Amino acid sequence: MNQNQIKNIPENILTELIKFFNNDLNMMEEWLNTPMVRLKNQKPIDFTTDLDKQKELLKILEQMKYGDFS
C-alpha cells in the first residue's frame, strides 16, 4: 500500500488492521481490496469512508480475531 492509501484509512481501523495482519501491508492491501460476500460483494476499503460502514468493518475485524471468517 502506498502512503496516500494508508492516510485515507481512519486511525482506529488502521490500528486494527495492522494488529490483525502483523504489519504485513501486502496482506492488508489484498484483504482490503478483495470483495466480500458479507459486504454484498463490496471491498472492505470501500467501508472506510462512512461512519456506519466503519463500524461494520470494525465488527468484522473483531470477529476475525476470534476465527470467524464468515
C-alpha atoms as a PDB file:
ATOM      1  CA  MET A   1       0.000   0.000   0.000  1.00  0.00           C
ATOM      2  CA  ASN A   2       1.181   3.482  -0.672  1.00  0.00           C
ATOM      3  CA  GLN A   3       1.178   6.299   1.863  1.00  0.00           C
ATOM      4  CA  ASN A   4      -1.881   8.010   0.343  1.00  0.00           C
ATOM      5  CA  GLN A   5      -3.979   4.881   0.676  1.00  0.00           C
ATOM      6  CA  ILE A   6      -2.888   4.414   4.257  1.00  0.00           C
ATOM      7  CA  LYS A   7      -3.559   8.072   5.107  1.00  0.00           C
ATOM      8  CA  ASN A   8      -7.157   7.700   3.936  1.00  0.00           C
ATOM      9  CA  ILE A   9      -7.916   4.849   6.341  1.00  0.00           C
ATOM     10  CA  PRO A  10      -9.257   6.059   9.695  1.00  0.00           C
ATOM     11  CA  GLU A  11      -6.756   5.587  12.505  1.00  0.00           C
ATOM     12  CA  ASN A  12      -8.918   3.206  14.559  1.00  0.00           C
ATOM     13  CA  ILE A  13      -9.404   0.893  11.573  1.00  0.00           C
ATOM     14  CA  LEU A  14      -5.768   1.126  10.522  1.00  0.00           C
ATOM     15  CA  THR A  15      -4.663   0.180  14.032  1.00  0.00           C
ATOM     16  CA  GLU A  16      -6.847  -2.928  14.000  1.00  0.00           C
ATOM     17  CA  LEU A  17      -5.678  -3.894  10.500  1.00  0.00           C
ATOM     18  CA  ILE A  18      -2.012  -3.548  11.448  1.00  0.00           C
ATOM     19  CA  LYS A  19      -2.549  -5.689  14.549  1.00  0.00           C
ATOM     20  CA  PHE A  20      -4.509  -8.370  12.709  1.00  0.00           C
ATOM     21  CA  PHE A  21      -2.128  -8.589   9.757  1.00  0.00           C
ATOM     22  CA  ASN A  22       1.029  -8.222  11.888  1.00  0.00           C
ATOM     23  CA  ASN A  23       2.250  -5.222   9.887  1.00  0.00           C
ATOM     24  CA  ASP A  24       2.075  -7.203   6.622  1.00  0.00           C
ATOM     25  CA  LEU A  25       0.986  -4.391   4.309  1.00  0.00           C
ATOM     26  CA  ASN A  26       0.693  -6.711   1.305  1.00  0.00           C
ATOM     27  CA  MET A  27      -1.776  -8.992   3.095  1.00  0.00           C
ATOM     28  CA  MET A  28      -3.642  -5.982   4.439  1.00  0.00           C
ATOM     29  CA  GLU A  29      -3.906  -4.476   0.958  1.00  0.00           C
ATOM     30  CA  GLU A  30      -5.100  -7.774  -0.519  1.00  0.00           C
ATOM     31  CA  TRP A  31      -7.784  -8.121   2.160  1.00  0.00           C
ATOM     32  CA  LEU A  32      -8.926  -4.508   1.798  1.00  0.00           C
ATOM     33  CA  ASN A  33      -9.268  -4.855  -1.974  1.00  0.00           C
ATOM     34  CA  THR A  34     -10.985  -8.244  -2.124  1.00  0.00           C
ATOM     35  CA  PRO A  35     -14.793  -8.160  -2.420  1.00  0.00           C
ATOM     36  CA  MET A  36     -16.574  -9.948   0.428  1.00  0.00           C
ATOM     37  CA  VAL A  37     -19.935 -11.688   0.240  1.00  0.00           C
ATOM     38  CA  ARG A  38     -20.660 -10.401   3.744  1.00  0.00           C
ATOM     39  CA  LEU A  39     -20.274  -6.856   2.421  1.00  0.00           C
ATOM     40  CA  LYS A  40     -22.579  -7.545  -0.528  1.00  0.00           C
ATOM     41  CA  ASN A  41     -19.556  -8.109  -2.776  1.00  0.00           C
ATOM     42  CA  GLN A  42     -18.047  -4.749  -1.917  1.00  0.00           C
ATOM     43  CA  LYS A  43     -14.416  -4.309  -0.883  1.00  0.00           C
ATOM     44  CA  PRO A  44     -13.537  -3.563   2.749  1.00  0.00           C
ATOM     45  CA  ILE A  45     -11.616  -0.475   1.571  1.00  0.00           C
ATOM     46  CA  ASP A  46     -14.982   0.950   0.477  1.00  0.00           C
ATOM     47  CA  PHE A  47     -16.126   0.753   4.097  1.00  0.00           C
ATOM     48  CA  THR A  48     -13.555   3.211   5.420  1.00  0.00           C
ATOM     49  CA  THR A  49     -15.289   6.440   4.434  1.00  0.00           C
ATOM     50  CA  ASP A  50     -18.690   6.315   6.144  1.00  0.00           C
ATOM     51  CA  LEU A  51     -19.083   6.037   9.932  1.00  0.00           C
ATOM     52  CA  ASP A  52     -21.731   3.290   9.822  1.00  0.00           C
ATOM     53  CA  LYS A  53     -19.661   1.304   7.342  1.00  0.00           C
ATOM     54  CA  GLN A  54     -16.581   1.779   9.519  1.00  0.00           C
ATOM     55  CA  LYS A  55     -18.479   0.241  12.436  1.00  0.00           C
ATOM     56  CA  GLU A  56     -19.354  -2.765  10.288  1.00  0.00           C
ATOM     57  CA  LEU A  57     -15.737  -3.128   9.209  1.00  0.00           C
ATOM     58  CA  LEU A  58     -14.521  -2.968  12.817  1.00  0.00           C
ATOM     59  CA  LYS A  59     -17.096  -5.601  13.757  1.00  0.00           C
ATOM     60  CA  ILE A  60     -15.779  -7.907  11.024  1.00  0.00           C
ATOM     61  CA  LEU A  61     -12.181  -7.384  12.142  1.00  0.00           C
ATOM     62  CA  GLU A  62     -13.142  -8.148  15.730  1.00  0.00           C
ATOM     63  CA  GLN A  63     -14.859 -11.378  14.682  1.00  0.00           C
ATOM     64  CA  MET A  64     -11.873 -12.365  12.546  1.00  0.00           C
ATOM     65  CA  LYS A  65      -9.631 -12.079  15.614  1.00  0.00           C
ATOM     66  CA  TYR A  66     -11.602 -14.951  17.087  1.00  0.00           C
ATOM     67  CA  GLY A  67     -11.629 -17.089  13.962  1.00  0.00           C
ATOM     68  CA  ASP A  68     -14.979 -16.059  12.477  1.00  0.00           C
ATOM     69  CA  PHE A  69     -14.179 -15.530   8.789  1.00  0.00           C
ATOM     70  CA  SER A  70     -17.751 -15.781   7.522  1.00  0.00           C
END
